[in-house]
Amino acid sequence: MKPIRFILLFLILCLVAFLLHLWIYGTNFTLTNIANASFVIGIITFLPTIIAMSQSYRVFDGFNFAFRTLLSTTFRNTYPKFNDYKKERSTKIKTSIFLEAFIASGILIIISIVLTVIVLS
């Protein structure tokens, strides 16, 4: 994990939350509005990073193989079996940007929850 990239990513998420706040609420800065805007940006980045880190998108490799086999003869010749296709596609993600985005968006969600608890108290 690279700390500079993490800090930069967190600041970008905060900036996007600020811009979303300005777009929706204008300059009416209340704790509720700040919590809402930061939660939206946090959850929008949190969920895709979970998918990327767990490699859940690989569920669709079978569908992709089936459709490409039906539509392309060269694909059929290149990958006669699904195992051949799966071996070609089994590259590991060697970057930590998803972990950094996961942590940054998690912090943003926690900040929004804390602000909400403060408002509701």
C-alpha atoms as a PDB file:
ATOM      1  CA  MET A   1       0.000   0.000   0.000  1.00  0.00           C
ATOM      2  CA  LYS A   2       1.353   3.381  -0.998  1.00  0.00           C
ATOM      3  CA  PRO A   3       0.517   6.106   1.558  1.00  0.00           C
ATOM      4  CA  ILE A   4       0.801   9.007  -0.899  1.00  0.00           C
ATOM      5  CA  ARG A   5      -1.639   7.363  -3.308  1.00  0.00           C
ATOM      6  CA  PHE A   6      -3.981   6.551  -0.406  1.00  0.00           C
ATOM      7  CA  ILE A   7      -3.978  10.155   0.830  1.00  0.00           C
ATOM      8  CA  LEU A   8      -4.479  11.443  -2.711  1.00  0.00           C
ATOM      9  CA  LEU A   9      -7.365   9.030  -3.279  1.00  0.00           C
ATOM     10  CA  PHE A  10      -8.983  10.024   0.021  1.00  0.00           C
ATOM     11  CA  LEU A  11      -8.669  13.715  -0.830  1.00  0.00           C
ATOM     12  CA  ILE A  12     -10.202  13.084  -4.263  1.00  0.00           C
ATOM     13  CA  LEU A  13     -13.143  11.281  -2.638  1.00  0.00           C
ATOM     14  CA  CYS A  14     -13.595  14.191  -0.224  1.00  0.00           C
ATOM     15  CA  LEU A  15     -13.489  16.643  -3.129  1.00  0.00           C
ATOM     16  CA  VAL A  16     -16.097  14.640  -5.049  1.00  0.00           C
ATOM     17  CA  ALA A  17     -18.279  14.523  -1.920  1.00  0.00           C
ATOM     18  CA  PHE A  18     -17.886  18.300  -1.585  1.00  0.00           C
ATOM     19  CA  LEU A  19     -18.852  18.834  -5.239  1.00  0.00           C
ATOM     20  CA  LEU A  20     -21.853  16.535  -4.829  1.00  0.00           C
ATOM     21  CA  HIS A  21     -22.869  18.516  -1.761  1.00  0.00           C
ATOM     22  CA  LEU A  22     -22.616  21.783  -3.685  1.00  0.00           C
ATOM     23  CA  TRP A  23     -24.622  20.326  -6.567  1.00  0.00           C
ATOM     24  CA  ILE A  24     -27.447  18.944  -4.419  1.00  0.00           C
ATOM     25  CA  TYR A  25     -27.586  21.219  -1.371  1.00  0.00           C
ATOM     26  CA  GLY A  26     -25.780  24.329  -2.563  1.00  0.00           C
ATOM     27  CA  THR A  27     -23.968  26.219   0.168  1.00  0.00           C
ATOM     28  CA  ASN A  28     -26.291  25.015   2.937  1.00  0.00           C
ATOM     29  CA  PHE A  29     -23.642  23.219   5.037  1.00  0.00           C
ATOM     30  CA  THR A  30     -25.275  21.237   7.820  1.00  0.00           C
ATOM     31  CA  LEU A  31     -24.006  18.040   9.416  1.00  0.00           C
ATOM     32  CA  THR A  32     -26.889  16.088   7.913  1.00  0.00           C
ATOM     33  CA  ASN A  33     -26.157  17.295   4.395  1.00  0.00           C
ATOM     34  CA  ILE A  34     -22.426  16.630   4.758  1.00  0.00           C
ATOM     35  CA  ALA A  35     -23.145  13.133   6.102  1.00  0.00           C
ATOM     36  CA  ASN A  36     -25.498  12.386   3.210  1.00  0.00           C
ATOM     37  CA  ALA A  37     -23.070  13.526   0.518  1.00  0.00           C
ATOM     38  CA  SER A  38     -20.104  11.719   2.039  1.00  0.00           C
ATOM     39  CA  PHE A  39     -22.122   8.516   2.499  1.00  0.00           C
ATOM     40  CA  VAL A  40     -23.224   8.492  -1.132  1.00  0.00           C
ATOM     41  CA  ILE A  41     -19.685   8.910  -2.453  1.00  0.00           C
ATOM     42  CA  GLY A  42     -18.335   6.429   0.084  1.00  0.00           C
ATOM     43  CA  ILE A  43     -20.816   3.705  -0.799  1.00  0.00           C
ATOM     44  CA  ILE A  44     -20.451   4.290  -4.551  1.00  0.00           C
ATOM     45  CA  THR A  45     -16.720   3.580  -4.281  1.00  0.00           C
ATOM     46  CA  PHE A  46     -16.917   1.001  -1.468  1.00  0.00           C
ATOM     47  CA  LEU A  47     -19.075  -1.585  -3.230  1.00  0.00           C
ATOM     48  CA  PRO A  48     -17.120  -1.766  -6.526  1.00  0.00           C
ATOM     49  CA  THR A  49     -13.846  -2.114  -4.624  1.00  0.00           C
ATOM     50  CA  ILE A  50     -15.270  -5.109  -2.763  1.00  0.00           C
ATOM     51  CA  ILE A  51     -16.176  -6.654  -6.118  1.00  0.00           C
ATOM     52  CA  ALA A  52     -12.724  -5.938  -7.537  1.00  0.00           C
ATOM     53  CA  MET A  53     -10.863  -7.243  -4.487  1.00  0.00           C
ATOM     54  CA  SER A  54     -12.873 -10.467  -4.301  1.00  0.00           C
ATOM     55  CA  GLN A  55     -12.744 -10.924  -8.094  1.00  0.00           C
ATOM     56  CA  SER A  56     -16.493 -11.563  -8.178  1.00  0.00           C
ATOM     57  CA  TYR A  57     -16.600 -10.396 -11.783  1.00  0.00           C
ATOM     58  CA  ARG A  58     -15.080 -13.761 -12.755  1.00  0.00           C
ATOM     59  CA  VAL A  59     -18.525 -15.297 -12.290  1.00  0.00           C
ATOM     60  CA  PHE A  60     -19.338 -14.114 -15.804  1.00  0.00           C
ATOM     61  CA  ASP A  61     -16.349 -15.825 -17.472  1.00  0.00           C
ATOM     62  CA  GLY A  62     -18.520 -18.839 -18.320  1.00  0.00           C
ATOM     63  CA  PHE A  63     -21.139 -16.699 -20.041  1.00  0.00           C
ATOM     64  CA  ASN A  64     -18.446 -14.790 -21.903  1.00  0.00           C
ATOM     65  CA  PHE A  65     -16.845 -18.049 -23.073  1.00  0.00           C
ATOM     66  CA  ALA A  66     -20.184 -19.505 -24.199  1.00  0.00           C
ATOM     67  CA  PHE A  67     -21.225 -16.462 -26.231  1.00  0.00           C
ATOM     68  CA  ARG A  68     -17.822 -15.980 -27.818  1.00  0.00           C
ATOM     69  CA  THR A  69     -17.676 -19.682 -28.722  1.00  0.00           C
ATOM     70  CA  LEU A  70     -21.049 -19.430 -30.441  1.00  0.00           C
ATOM     71  CA  LEU A  71     -20.211 -16.248 -32.331  1.00  0.00           C
ATOM     72  CA  SER A  72     -16.574 -16.693 -33.355  1.00  0.00           C
ATOM     73  CA  THR A  73     -14.875 -19.630 -35.044  1.00  0.00           C
ATOM     74  CA  THR A  74     -11.391 -18.242 -34.413  1.00  0.00           C
ATOM     75  CA  PHE A  75     -12.171 -18.031 -30.708  1.00  0.00           C
ATOM     76  CA  ARG A  76     -13.341 -21.655 -30.809  1.00  0.00           C
ATOM     77  CA  ASN A  77     -10.054 -22.697 -32.416  1.00  0.00           C
ATOM     78  CA  THR A  78      -7.965 -20.700 -29.949  1.00  0.00           C
ATOM     79  CA  TYR A  79      -9.796 -21.970 -26.863  1.00  0.00           C
ATOM     80  CA  PRO A  80     -11.299 -25.405 -27.531  1.00  0.00           C
ATOM     81  CA  LYS A  81     -12.140 -25.933 -23.828  1.00  0.00           C
ATOM     82  CA  PHE A  82     -13.202 -23.653 -21.017  1.00  0.00           C
ATOM     83  CA  ASN A  83     -10.124 -24.634 -19.004  1.00  0.00           C
ATOM     84  CA  ASP A  84      -7.877 -23.206 -21.745  1.00  0.00           C
ATOM     85  CA  TYR A  85      -9.806 -19.945 -21.648  1.00  0.00           C
ATOM     86  CA  LYS A  86      -9.741 -19.877 -17.849  1.00  0.00           C
ATOM     87  CA  LYS A  87      -5.954 -20.404 -17.730  1.00  0.00           C
ATOM     88  CA  GLU A  88      -5.467 -17.487 -20.112  1.00  0.00           C
ATOM     89  CA  ARG A  89      -7.727 -15.221 -18.049  1.00  0.00           C
ATOM     90  CA  SER A  90      -6.323 -16.164 -14.640  1.00  0.00           C
ATOM     91  CA  THR A  91      -4.053 -13.175 -14.182  1.00  0.00           C
ATOM     92  CA  LYS A  92      -3.691 -11.950 -10.635  1.00  0.00           C
ATOM     93  CA  ILE A  93      -4.241  -8.287  -9.861  1.00  0.00           C
ATOM     94  CA  LYS A  94      -0.901  -6.986  -8.645  1.00  0.00           C
ATOM     95  CA  THR A  95      -1.909  -3.511  -7.582  1.00  0.00           C
ATOM     96  CA  SER A  96      -3.001  -2.315  -4.181  1.00  0.00           C
ATOM     97  CA  ILE A  97      -5.199   0.501  -5.463  1.00  0.00           C
ATOM     98  CA  PHE A  98      -8.365  -1.467  -4.713  1.00  0.00           C
ATOM     99  CA  LEU A  99      -7.302  -1.904  -1.094  1.00  0.00           C
ATOM    100  CA  GLU A 100      -6.509   1.791  -0.847  1.00  0.00           C
ATOM    101  CA  ALA A 101      -9.863   2.742  -2.379  1.00  0.00           C
ATOM    102  CA  PHE A 102     -11.589   0.271  -0.062  1.00  0.00           C
ATOM    103  CA  ILE A 103     -10.005   1.822   3.032  1.00  0.00           C
ATOM    104  CA  ALA A 104     -10.541   5.421   1.848  1.00  0.00           C
ATOM    105  CA  SER A 105     -14.202   4.837   1.039  1.00  0.00           C
ATOM    106  CA  GLY A 106     -14.649   2.940   4.301  1.00  0.00           C
ATOM    107  CA  ILE A 107     -13.262   5.922   6.208  1.00  0.00           C
ATOM    108  CA  LEU A 108     -15.667   8.201   4.335  1.00  0.00           C
ATOM    109  CA  ILE A 109     -18.596   5.946   5.251  1.00  0.00           C
ATOM    110  CA  ILE A 110     -17.495   5.870   8.898  1.00  0.00           C
ATOM    111  CA  ILE A 111     -17.236   9.673   8.911  1.00  0.00           C
ATOM    112  CA  SER A 112     -20.766   9.945   7.533  1.00  0.00           C
ATOM    113  CA  ILE A 113     -22.104   7.486  10.123  1.00  0.00           C
ATOM    114  CA  VAL A 114     -20.405   9.397  12.956  1.00  0.00           C
ATOM    115  CA  LEU A 115     -21.863  12.673  11.667  1.00  0.00           C
ATOM    116  CA  THR A 116     -25.302  11.075  11.474  1.00  0.00           C
ATOM    117  CA  VAL A 117     -25.036   9.795  15.048  1.00  0.00           C
ATOM    118  CA  ILE A 118     -23.998  13.275  16.191  1.00  0.00           C
ATOM    119  CA  VAL A 119     -26.984  14.829  14.417  1.00  0.00           C
ATOM    120  CA  LEU A 120     -29.453  12.297  15.808  1.00  0.00           C
ATOM    121  CA  SER A 121     -28.197  12.665  19.395  1.00  0.00           C
END
